[in-house]
Amino acid sequence: MIRDKAVKNFKASLSNEGSEYEAMMQADEFFRKEIEEATRSNPDWDYSKEVAHLKTTLGTLSIHLLSILTHSLTYVLINYNF
């Protein structure tokens, strides 16, 4: 659930005209803060796998977004004779 919220945070940051890197950093910071709060009762729990999974998810989203932008730009360049 926390990961899903971090992904939503990432998408929202992108739509607010922030850079992709800034959006990833904000999502990572949000995730780490929330997971720390959730694990205070068990400080021995290691959430490094969850952090790695979040980074993989955000990286995949970034690749898909870049692909969409590339295709959109190509379409505009071809169809509007730029």
C-alpha atoms as a PDB file:
ATOM      1  CA  MET A   1       0.000   0.000   0.000  1.00  0.00           C
ATOM      2  CA  ILE A   2       2.776   2.409   0.860  1.00  0.00           C
ATOM      3  CA  ARG A   3       4.512   1.590  -2.429  1.00  0.00           C
ATOM      4  CA  ASP A   4       1.299   2.359  -4.328  1.00  0.00           C
ATOM      5  CA  LYS A   5       1.061   5.722  -2.581  1.00  0.00           C
ATOM      6  CA  ALA A   6       4.700   6.443  -3.463  1.00  0.00           C
ATOM      7  CA  VAL A   7       3.989   5.645  -7.125  1.00  0.00           C
ATOM      8  CA  LYS A   8       0.983   7.992  -7.066  1.00  0.00           C
ATOM      9  CA  ASN A   9       3.226  10.619  -5.475  1.00  0.00           C
ATOM     10  CA  PHE A  10       5.716  10.102  -8.325  1.00  0.00           C
ATOM     11  CA  LYS A  11       3.032  10.494 -10.998  1.00  0.00           C
ATOM     12  CA  ALA A  12       1.620  13.593  -9.311  1.00  0.00           C
ATOM     13  CA  SER A  13       5.082  15.151  -9.101  1.00  0.00           C
ATOM     14  CA  LEU A  14       5.606  14.552 -12.815  1.00  0.00           C
ATOM     15  CA  SER A  15       2.330  16.230 -13.706  1.00  0.00           C
ATOM     16  CA  ASN A  16       3.362  19.279 -11.668  1.00  0.00           C
ATOM     17  CA  GLU A  17       6.137  19.923 -14.206  1.00  0.00           C
ATOM     18  CA  GLY A  18       8.925  18.719 -11.961  1.00  0.00           C
ATOM     19  CA  SER A  19      11.826  16.781 -13.363  1.00  0.00           C
ATOM     20  CA  GLU A  20      11.735  13.022 -13.459  1.00  0.00           C
ATOM     21  CA  TYR A  21      14.676  12.852 -11.055  1.00  0.00           C
ATOM     22  CA  GLU A  22      12.986  15.185  -8.566  1.00  0.00           C
ATOM     23  CA  ALA A  23       9.781  13.158  -8.769  1.00  0.00           C
ATOM     24  CA  MET A  24      11.709   9.941  -8.081  1.00  0.00           C
ATOM     25  CA  MET A  25      13.501  11.502  -5.127  1.00  0.00           C
ATOM     26  CA  GLN A  26      10.238  12.783  -3.662  1.00  0.00           C
ATOM     27  CA  ALA A  27       8.590   9.383  -4.053  1.00  0.00           C
ATOM     28  CA  ASP A  28      11.596   7.654  -2.469  1.00  0.00           C
ATOM     29  CA  GLU A  29      11.627  10.110   0.428  1.00  0.00           C
ATOM     30  CA  PHE A  30       7.876   9.654   0.949  1.00  0.00           C
ATOM     31  CA  PHE A  31       8.230   5.861   0.867  1.00  0.00           C
ATOM     32  CA  ARG A  32      11.121   5.789   3.340  1.00  0.00           C
ATOM     33  CA  LYS A  33       9.322   8.131   5.744  1.00  0.00           C
ATOM     34  CA  GLU A  34       6.114   6.107   5.639  1.00  0.00           C
ATOM     35  CA  ILE A  35       7.882   2.764   5.963  1.00  0.00           C
ATOM     36  CA  GLU A  36       9.895   4.027   8.941  1.00  0.00           C
ATOM     37  CA  GLU A  37       6.655   5.038  10.638  1.00  0.00           C
ATOM     38  CA  ALA A  38       5.102   1.652   9.881  1.00  0.00           C
ATOM     39  CA  THR A  39       8.068  -0.349  11.186  1.00  0.00           C
ATOM     40  CA  ARG A  40       8.806   1.424  14.439  1.00  0.00           C
ATOM     41  CA  SER A  41       7.278  -1.459  16.387  1.00  0.00           C
ATOM     42  CA  ASN A  42       9.788  -3.847  14.763  1.00  0.00           C
ATOM     43  CA  PRO A  43      13.047  -1.951  14.205  1.00  0.00           C
ATOM     44  CA  ASP A  44      14.846  -5.140  13.125  1.00  0.00           C
ATOM     45  CA  TRP A  45      12.717  -5.451   9.983  1.00  0.00           C
ATOM     46  CA  ASP A  46      14.715  -4.732   6.840  1.00  0.00           C
ATOM     47  CA  TYR A  47      12.820  -3.048   4.022  1.00  0.00           C
ATOM     48  CA  SER A  48      15.665  -2.817   1.511  1.00  0.00           C
ATOM     49  CA  LYS A  49      13.879  -5.214  -0.865  1.00  0.00           C
ATOM     50  CA  GLU A  50      10.817  -2.983  -0.840  1.00  0.00           C
ATOM     51  CA  VAL A  51      12.947   0.095  -1.572  1.00  0.00           C
ATOM     52  CA  ALA A  52      14.630  -1.734  -4.460  1.00  0.00           C
ATOM     53  CA  HIS A  53      11.232  -2.812  -5.817  1.00  0.00           C
ATOM     54  CA  LEU A  54       9.948   0.768  -5.641  1.00  0.00           C
ATOM     55  CA  LYS A  55      13.003   2.028  -7.544  1.00  0.00           C
ATOM     56  CA  THR A  56      12.497  -0.636 -10.195  1.00  0.00           C
ATOM     57  CA  THR A  57       8.831   0.332 -10.528  1.00  0.00           C
ATOM     58  CA  LEU A  58       9.661   4.036 -10.839  1.00  0.00           C
ATOM     59  CA  GLY A  59      12.397   3.281 -13.369  1.00  0.00           C
ATOM     60  CA  THR A  60       9.981   1.220 -15.459  1.00  0.00           C
ATOM     61  CA  LEU A  61       7.404   4.012 -15.343  1.00  0.00           C
ATOM     62  CA  SER A  62      10.060   6.496 -16.435  1.00  0.00           C
ATOM     63  CA  ILE A  63      11.035   4.327 -19.407  1.00  0.00           C
ATOM     64  CA  HIS A  64       7.394   4.026 -20.475  1.00  0.00           C
ATOM     65  CA  LEU A  65       6.854   7.768 -20.147  1.00  0.00           C
ATOM     66  CA  LEU A  66       9.969   8.480 -22.198  1.00  0.00           C
ATOM     67  CA  SER A  67       8.763   6.062 -24.874  1.00  0.00           C
ATOM     68  CA  ILE A  68       5.369   7.782 -25.024  1.00  0.00           C
ATOM     69  CA  LEU A  69       7.006  11.199 -25.319  1.00  0.00           C
ATOM     70  CA  THR A  70       9.355   9.965 -28.040  1.00  0.00           C
ATOM     71  CA  HIS A  71       6.493   8.517 -30.072  1.00  0.00           C
ATOM     72  CA  SER A  72       4.437  11.681 -29.616  1.00  0.00           C
ATOM     73  CA  LEU A  73       7.298  13.891 -30.726  1.00  0.00           C
ATOM     74  CA  THR A  74       7.992  11.661 -33.724  1.00  0.00           C
ATOM     75  CA  TYR A  75       4.323  11.858 -34.712  1.00  0.00           C
ATOM     76  CA  VAL A  76       4.344  15.648 -34.521  1.00  0.00           C
ATOM     77  CA  LEU A  77       7.579  15.932 -36.488  1.00  0.00           C
ATOM     78  CA  ILE A  78       6.345  13.613 -39.249  1.00  0.00           C
ATOM     79  CA  ASN A  79       2.811  14.950 -39.532  1.00  0.00           C
ATOM     80  CA  TYR A  80       3.520  18.654 -39.203  1.00  0.00           C
ATOM     81  CA  ASN A  81       6.654  18.791 -41.399  1.00  0.00           C
ATOM     82  CA  PHE A  82       9.077  20.049 -38.782  1.00  0.00           C
END
